[in-house]
Amino acid sequence: MFSTGRGSGGRQYDILPGRPDASIMTYRIESTEPEIKMPELGRNLVHEEGAALIRAWIAAMPGSCAASGIR
């Protein structure tokens, strides 16, 4: 089990370069569920522009998932 529990969304890495959909960070930022959302306090809505900026940042990161066998 991951240290984030349900907060991992079944993803294995906090940030997977080039793969925002496989990154825990984007999963948590885009959630409004109390046990999952990040930051945990002080928000009930997803900041769409901020989430899009983080997705674009992760997508632009260089890296090859093919070499590591990650899909």
PDB file of N, CA and C in Angstrom:
ATOM      1  N   MET A   1       0.835  -1.179   0.000  1.00  0.00           N
ATOM      2  CA  MET A   1       0.000   0.000   0.000  1.00  0.00           C
ATOM      3  C   MET A   1       0.881   1.245   0.000  1.00  0.00           C
ATOM      4  N   PHE A   2       0.445   2.240  -0.674  1.00  0.00           N
ATOM      5  CA  PHE A   2       1.182   3.491  -0.763  1.00  0.00           C
ATOM      6  C   PHE A   2       1.028   4.294   0.525  1.00  0.00           C
ATOM      7  N   SER A   3       2.016   5.123   0.835  1.00  0.00           N
ATOM      8  CA  SER A   3       1.953   5.932   2.047  1.00  0.00           C
ATOM      9  C   SER A   3       0.808   6.942   1.988  1.00  0.00           C
ATOM     10  N   THR A   4       0.330   7.263   0.799  1.00  0.00           N
ATOM     11  CA  THR A   4      -0.773   8.205   0.669  1.00  0.00           C
ATOM     12  C   THR A   4      -2.128   7.520   0.785  1.00  0.00           C
ATOM     13  N   GLY A   5      -2.134   6.207   0.922  1.00  0.00           N
ATOM     14  CA  GLY A   5      -3.406   5.474   1.000  1.00  0.00           C
ATOM     15  C   GLY A   5      -4.220   5.702  -0.263  1.00  0.00           C
ATOM     16  N   ARG A   6      -5.490   6.047  -0.068  1.00  0.00           N
ATOM     17  CA  ARG A   6      -6.356   6.328  -1.225  1.00  0.00           C
ATOM     18  C   ARG A   6      -5.871   7.539  -2.010  1.00  0.00           C
ATOM     19  N   GLY A   7      -5.079   8.388  -1.372  1.00  0.00           N
ATOM     20  CA  GLY A   7      -4.591   9.614  -1.999  1.00  0.00           C
ATOM     21  C   GLY A   7      -3.676   9.384  -3.180  1.00  0.00           C
ATOM     22  N   SER A   8      -3.237   8.160  -3.399  1.00  0.00           N
ATOM     23  CA  SER A   8      -2.373   7.886  -4.550  1.00  0.00           C
ATOM     24  C   SER A   8      -3.185   7.663  -5.818  1.00  0.00           C
ATOM     25  N   GLY A   9      -4.447   7.320  -5.676  1.00  0.00           N
ATOM     26  CA  GLY A   9      -5.272   7.030  -6.837  1.00  0.00           C
ATOM     27  C   GLY A   9      -4.738   5.854  -7.647  1.00  0.00           C
ATOM     28  N   GLY A  10      -3.973   4.993  -6.991  1.00  0.00           N
ATOM     29  CA  GLY A  10      -3.383   3.852  -7.673  1.00  0.00           C
ATOM     30  C   GLY A  10      -2.132   4.186  -8.460  1.00  0.00           C
ATOM     31  N   ARG A  11      -1.714   5.442  -8.371  1.00  0.00           N
ATOM     32  CA  ARG A  11      -0.502   5.856  -9.081  1.00  0.00           C
ATOM     33  C   ARG A  11       0.706   5.543  -8.214  1.00  0.00           C
ATOM     34  N   GLN A  12       1.852   5.316  -8.849  1.00  0.00           N
ATOM     35  CA  GLN A  12       3.029   4.868  -8.123  1.00  0.00           C
ATOM     36  C   GLN A  12       4.001   5.999  -7.780  1.00  0.00           C
ATOM     37  N   TYR A  13       3.975   7.090  -8.548  1.00  0.00           N
ATOM     38  CA  TYR A  13       4.966   8.147  -8.364  1.00  0.00           C
ATOM     39  C   TYR A  13       4.302   9.498  -8.132  1.00  0.00           C
ATOM     40  N   ASP A  14       4.938  10.321  -7.277  1.00  0.00           N
ATOM     41  CA  ASP A  14       4.431  11.674  -7.024  1.00  0.00           C
ATOM     42  C   ASP A  14       4.349  12.458  -8.321  1.00  0.00           C
ATOM     43  N   ILE A  15       5.454  12.471  -9.055  1.00  0.00           N
ATOM     44  CA  ILE A  15       5.521  13.142 -10.348  1.00  0.00           C
ATOM     45  C   ILE A  15       6.209  12.191 -11.312  1.00  0.00           C
ATOM     46  N   LEU A  16       5.551  11.883 -12.405  1.00  0.00           N
ATOM     47  CA  LEU A  16       6.128  11.035 -13.442  1.00  0.00           C
ATOM     48  C   LEU A  16       6.341  11.927 -14.661  1.00  0.00           C
ATOM     49  N   PRO A  17       7.597  12.316 -14.927  1.00  0.00           N
ATOM     50  CA  PRO A  17       7.876  13.252 -16.029  1.00  0.00           C
ATOM     51  C   PRO A  17       7.187  12.860 -17.336  1.00  0.00           C
ATOM     52  N   GLY A  18       6.509  13.849 -17.909  1.00  0.00           N
ATOM     53  CA  GLY A  18       5.802  13.636 -19.164  1.00  0.00           C
ATOM     54  C   GLY A  18       4.455  12.953 -19.027  1.00  0.00           C
ATOM     55  N   ARG A  19       4.077  12.574 -17.810  1.00  0.00           N
ATOM     56  CA  ARG A  19       2.852  11.790 -17.597  1.00  0.00           C
ATOM     57  C   ARG A  19       1.997  12.354 -16.461  1.00  0.00           C
ATOM     58  N   PRO A  20       1.351  13.496 -16.663  1.00  0.00           N
ATOM     59  CA  PRO A  20       0.533  14.060 -15.580  1.00  0.00           C
ATOM     60  C   PRO A  20      -0.598  13.136 -15.133  1.00  0.00           C
ATOM     61  N   ASP A  21      -1.150  12.333 -16.032  1.00  0.00           N
ATOM     62  CA  ASP A  21      -2.241  11.435 -15.654  1.00  0.00           C
ATOM     63  C   ASP A  21      -1.767  10.282 -14.775  1.00  0.00           C
ATOM     64  N   ALA A  22      -0.476  10.019 -14.766  1.00  0.00           N
ATOM     65  CA  ALA A  22       0.085   8.946 -13.950  1.00  0.00           C
ATOM     66  C   ALA A  22       0.759   9.483 -12.688  1.00  0.00           C
ATOM     67  N   SER A  23       0.627  10.777 -12.423  1.00  0.00           N
ATOM     68  CA  SER A  23       1.282  11.416 -11.284  1.00  0.00           C
ATOM     69  C   SER A  23       0.307  11.626 -10.123  1.00  0.00           C
ATOM     70  N   ILE A  24       0.748  11.266  -8.917  1.00  0.00           N
ATOM     71  CA  ILE A  24      -0.068  11.453  -7.719  1.00  0.00           C
ATOM     72  C   ILE A  24      -0.397  12.931  -7.531  1.00  0.00           C
ATOM     73  N   MET A  25       0.561  13.803  -7.807  1.00  0.00           N
ATOM     74  CA  MET A  25       0.350  15.227  -7.572  1.00  0.00           C
ATOM     75  C   MET A  25      -0.881  15.765  -8.301  1.00  0.00           C
ATOM     76  N   THR A  26      -1.023  15.469  -9.571  1.00  0.00           N
ATOM     77  CA  THR A  26      -2.172  15.977 -10.313  1.00  0.00           C
ATOM     78  C   THR A  26      -3.474  15.337  -9.825  1.00  0.00           C
ATOM     79  N   TYR A  27      -3.428  14.075  -9.481  1.00  0.00           N
ATOM     80  CA  TYR A  27      -4.616  13.394  -8.954  1.00  0.00           C
ATOM     81  C   TYR A  27      -5.122  14.100  -7.701  1.00  0.00           C
ATOM     82  N   ARG A  28      -4.218  14.429  -6.796  1.00  0.00           N
ATOM     83  CA  ARG A  28      -4.606  15.055  -5.529  1.00  0.00           C
ATOM     84  C   ARG A  28      -5.031  16.505  -5.716  1.00  0.00           C
ATOM     85  N   ILE A  29      -4.348  17.240  -6.593  1.00  0.00           N
ATOM     86  CA  ILE A  29      -4.699  18.639  -6.834  1.00  0.00           C
ATOM     87  C   ILE A  29      -6.086  18.750  -7.466  1.00  0.00           C
ATOM     88  N   GLU A  30      -6.456  17.785  -8.293  1.00  0.00           N
ATOM     89  CA  GLU A  30      -7.729  17.827  -9.007  1.00  0.00           C
ATOM     90  C   GLU A  30      -8.879  17.178  -8.251  1.00  0.00           C
ATOM     91  N   SER A  31      -8.648  16.727  -7.022  1.00  0.00           N
ATOM     92  CA  SER A  31      -9.700  16.100  -6.228  1.00  0.00           C
ATOM     93  C   SER A  31     -10.285  17.092  -5.217  1.00  0.00           C
ATOM     94  N   THR A  32     -11.557  16.895  -4.891  1.00  0.00           N
ATOM     95  CA  THR A  32     -12.185  17.662  -3.809  1.00  0.00           C
ATOM     96  C   THR A  32     -12.592  16.743  -2.658  1.00  0.00           C
ATOM     97  N   GLU A  33     -12.236  15.458  -2.750  1.00  0.00           N
ATOM     98  CA  GLU A  33     -12.553  14.518  -1.682  1.00  0.00           C
ATOM     99  C   GLU A  33     -11.649  14.796  -0.481  1.00  0.00           C
ATOM    100  N   PRO A  34     -12.208  14.907   0.724  1.00  0.00           N
ATOM    101  CA  PRO A  34     -11.434  15.275   1.909  1.00  0.00           C
ATOM    102  C   PRO A  34     -10.193  14.420   2.162  1.00  0.00           C
ATOM    103  N   GLU A  35     -10.262  13.119   1.906  1.00  0.00           N
ATOM    104  CA  GLU A  35      -9.124  12.235   2.173  1.00  0.00           C
ATOM    105  C   GLU A  35      -8.055  12.295   1.083  1.00  0.00           C
ATOM    106  N   ILE A  36      -8.367  12.916  -0.034  1.00  0.00           N
ATOM    107  CA  ILE A  36      -7.479  12.901  -1.193  1.00  0.00           C
ATOM    108  C   ILE A  36      -6.938  14.274  -1.537  1.00  0.00           C
ATOM    109  N   LYS A  37      -7.760  15.292  -1.432  1.00  0.00           N
ATOM    110  CA  LYS A  37      -7.390  16.620  -1.931  1.00  0.00           C
ATOM    111  C   LYS A  37      -6.095  17.155  -1.337  1.00  0.00           C
ATOM    112  N   MET A  38      -5.424  17.957  -2.135  1.00  0.00           N
ATOM    113  CA  MET A  38      -4.185  18.593  -1.735  1.00  0.00           C
ATOM    114  C   MET A  38      -4.229  20.022  -2.249  1.00  0.00           C
ATOM    115  N   PRO A  39      -4.033  21.013  -1.405  1.00  0.00           N
ATOM    116  CA  PRO A  39      -3.800  20.905   0.042  1.00  0.00           C
ATOM    117  C   PRO A  39      -5.056  20.436   0.760  1.00  0.00           C
ATOM    118  N   GLU A  40      -4.833  19.840   1.923  1.00  0.00           N
ATOM    119  CA  GLU A  40      -5.940  19.237   2.662  1.00  0.00           C
ATOM    120  C   GLU A  40      -6.914  20.255   3.239  1.00  0.00           C
ATOM    121  N   LEU A  41      -6.411  21.398   3.644  1.00  0.00           N
ATOM    122  CA  LEU A  41      -7.251  22.398   4.308  1.00  0.00           C
ATOM    123  C   LEU A  41      -7.457  23.621   3.422  1.00  0.00           C
ATOM    124  N   GLY A  42      -8.562  24.298   3.664  1.00  0.00           N
ATOM    125  CA  GLY A  42      -8.775  25.598   3.043  1.00  0.00           C
ATOM    126  C   GLY A  42      -9.248  25.612   1.603  1.00  0.00           C
ATOM    127  N   ARG A  43      -9.785  24.510   1.109  1.00  0.00           N
ATOM    128  CA  ARG A  43     -10.338  24.558  -0.241  1.00  0.00           C
ATOM    129  C   ARG A  43     -11.417  23.515  -0.434  1.00  0.00           C
ATOM    130  N   ASN A  44     -12.398  23.899  -1.215  1.00  0.00           N
ATOM    131  CA  ASN A  44     -13.483  22.989  -1.573  1.00  0.00           C
ATOM    132  C   ASN A  44     -13.685  22.926  -3.077  1.00  0.00           C
ATOM    133  N   LEU A  45     -12.914  23.717  -3.807  1.00  0.00           N
ATOM    134  CA  LEU A  45     -12.998  23.756  -5.261  1.00  0.00           C
ATOM    135  C   LEU A  45     -11.641  23.453  -5.867  1.00  0.00           C
ATOM    136  N   VAL A  46     -11.648  22.941  -7.075  1.00  0.00           N
ATOM    137  CA  VAL A  46     -10.404  22.741  -7.824  1.00  0.00           C
ATOM    138  C   VAL A  46     -10.078  24.048  -8.530  1.00  0.00           C
ATOM    139  N   HIS A  47      -8.865  24.532  -8.370  1.00  0.00           N
ATOM    140  CA  HIS A  47      -8.416  25.727  -9.092  1.00  0.00           C
ATOM    141  C   HIS A  47      -7.996  25.253 -10.485  1.00  0.00           C
ATOM    142  N   GLU A  48      -8.912  25.347 -11.427  1.00  0.00           N
ATOM    143  CA  GLU A  48      -8.719  24.768 -12.764  1.00  0.00           C
ATOM    144  C   GLU A  48      -7.464  25.300 -13.455  1.00  0.00           C
ATOM    145  N   GLU A  49      -7.229  26.610 -13.381  1.00  0.00           N
ATOM    146  CA  GLU A  49      -6.050  27.177 -14.045  1.00  0.00           C
ATOM    147  C   GLU A  49      -4.764  26.676 -13.401  1.00  0.00           C
ATOM    148  N   GLY A  50      -4.754  26.582 -12.080  1.00  0.00           N
ATOM    149  CA  GLY A  50      -3.572  26.072 -11.381  1.00  0.00           C
ATOM    150  C   GLY A  50      -3.311  24.613 -11.710  1.00  0.00           C
ATOM    151  N   ALA A  51      -4.370  23.805 -11.729  1.00  0.00           N
ATOM    152  CA  ALA A  51      -4.230  22.386 -12.061  1.00  0.00           C
ATOM    153  C   ALA A  51      -3.712  22.218 -13.493  1.00  0.00           C
ATOM    154  N   ALA A  52      -4.221  23.036 -14.419  1.00  0.00           N
ATOM    155  CA  ALA A  52      -3.761  22.970 -15.815  1.00  0.00           C
ATOM    156  C   ALA A  52      -2.284  23.353 -15.923  1.00  0.00           C
ATOM    157  N   LEU A  53      -1.862  24.332 -15.131  1.00  0.00           N
ATOM    158  CA  LEU A  53      -0.459  24.748 -15.136  1.00  0.00           C
ATOM    159  C   LEU A  53       0.450  23.622 -14.646  1.00  0.00           C
ATOM    160  N   ILE A  54       0.049  22.939 -13.569  1.00  0.00           N
ATOM    161  CA  ILE A  54       0.837  21.805 -13.050  1.00  0.00           C
ATOM    162  C   ILE A  54       0.874  20.674 -14.068  1.00  0.00           C
ATOM    163  N   ARG A  55      -0.264  20.376 -14.706  1.00  0.00           N
ATOM    164  CA  ARG A  55      -0.300  19.329 -15.743  1.00  0.00           C
ATOM    165  C   ARG A  55       0.663  19.648 -16.875  1.00  0.00           C
ATOM    166  N   ALA A  56       0.641  20.903 -17.336  1.00  0.00           N
ATOM    167  CA  ALA A  56       1.522  21.311 -18.432  1.00  0.00           C
ATOM    168  C   ALA A  56       2.988  21.210 -18.013  1.00  0.00           C
ATOM    169  N   TRP A  57       3.292  21.583 -16.774  1.00  0.00           N
ATOM    170  CA  TRP A  57       4.659  21.502 -16.263  1.00  0.00           C
ATOM    171  C   TRP A  57       5.149  20.054 -16.251  1.00  0.00           C
ATOM    172  N   ILE A  58       4.318  19.142 -15.731  1.00  0.00           N
ATOM    173  CA  ILE A  58       4.704  17.731 -15.693  1.00  0.00           C
ATOM    174  C   ILE A  58       4.822  17.167 -17.107  1.00  0.00           C
ATOM    175  N   ALA A  59       3.882  17.505 -17.979  1.00  0.00           N
ATOM    176  CA  ALA A  59       3.910  17.005 -19.363  1.00  0.00           C
ATOM    177  C   ALA A  59       5.156  17.470 -20.103  1.00  0.00           C
ATOM    178  N   ALA A  60       5.659  18.650 -19.760  1.00  0.00           N
ATOM    179  CA  ALA A  60       6.823  19.195 -20.453  1.00  0.00           C
ATOM    180  C   ALA A  60       8.144  18.659 -19.923  1.00  0.00           C
ATOM    181  N   MET A  61       8.133  17.935 -18.815  1.00  0.00           N
ATOM    182  CA  MET A  61       9.368  17.405 -18.236  1.00  0.00           C
ATOM    183  C   MET A  61       9.970  16.351 -19.155  1.00  0.00           C
ATOM    184  N   PRO A  62      11.274  16.433 -19.376  1.00  0.00           N
ATOM    185  CA  PRO A  62      11.914  15.393 -20.175  1.00  0.00           C
ATOM    186  C   PRO A  62      11.990  14.094 -19.370  1.00  0.00           C
ATOM    187  N   GLY A  63      11.988  13.018 -20.055  1.00  0.00           N
ATOM    188  CA  GLY A  63      12.089  11.725 -19.392  1.00  0.00           C
ATOM    189  C   GLY A  63      11.451  10.658 -20.252  1.00  0.00           C
ATOM    190  N   SER A  64      11.929   9.470 -20.093  1.00  0.00           N
ATOM    191  CA  SER A  64      11.395   8.375 -20.874  1.00  0.00           C
ATOM    192  C   SER A  64      10.833   7.308 -19.956  1.00  0.00           C
ATOM    193  N   CYS A  65       9.559   7.062 -20.066  1.00  0.00           N
ATOM    194  CA  CYS A  65       8.923   6.002 -19.298  1.00  0.00           C
ATOM    195  C   CYS A  65       9.182   4.651 -19.957  1.00  0.00           C
ATOM    196  N   ALA A  66       9.449   4.654 -21.244  1.00  0.00           N
ATOM    197  CA  ALA A  66       9.667   3.393 -21.966  1.00  0.00           C
ATOM    198  C   ALA A  66      10.871   2.644 -21.409  1.00  0.00           C
ATOM    199  N   ALA A  67      11.921   3.366 -21.048  1.00  0.00           N
ATOM    200  CA  ALA A  67      13.130   2.732 -20.535  1.00  0.00           C
ATOM    201  C   ALA A  67      12.895   2.076 -19.191  1.00  0.00           C
ATOM    202  N   SER A  68      11.956   2.597 -18.407  1.00  0.00           N
ATOM    203  CA  SER A  68      11.698   2.045 -17.076  1.00  0.00           C
ATOM    204  C   SER A  68      10.570   1.029 -17.078  1.00  0.00           C
ATOM    205  N   GLY A  69       9.867   0.894 -18.199  1.00  0.00           N
ATOM    206  CA  GLY A  69       8.768  -0.059 -18.277  1.00  0.00           C
ATOM    207  C   GLY A  69       7.470   0.477 -17.707  1.00  0.00           C
ATOM    208  N   ILE A  70       7.409   1.776 -17.391  1.00  0.00           N
ATOM    209  CA  ILE A  70       6.208   2.387 -16.818  1.00  0.00           C
ATOM    210  C   ILE A  70       5.272   2.785 -17.952  1.00  0.00           C
ATOM    211  N   ARG A  71       3.974   2.538 -17.756  1.00  0.00           N
ATOM    212  CA  ARG A  71       2.979   2.892 -18.767  1.00  0.00           C
ATOM    213  C   ARG A  71       2.097   3.997 -18.288  1.00  0.00           C
TER     214      ARG A  71
END
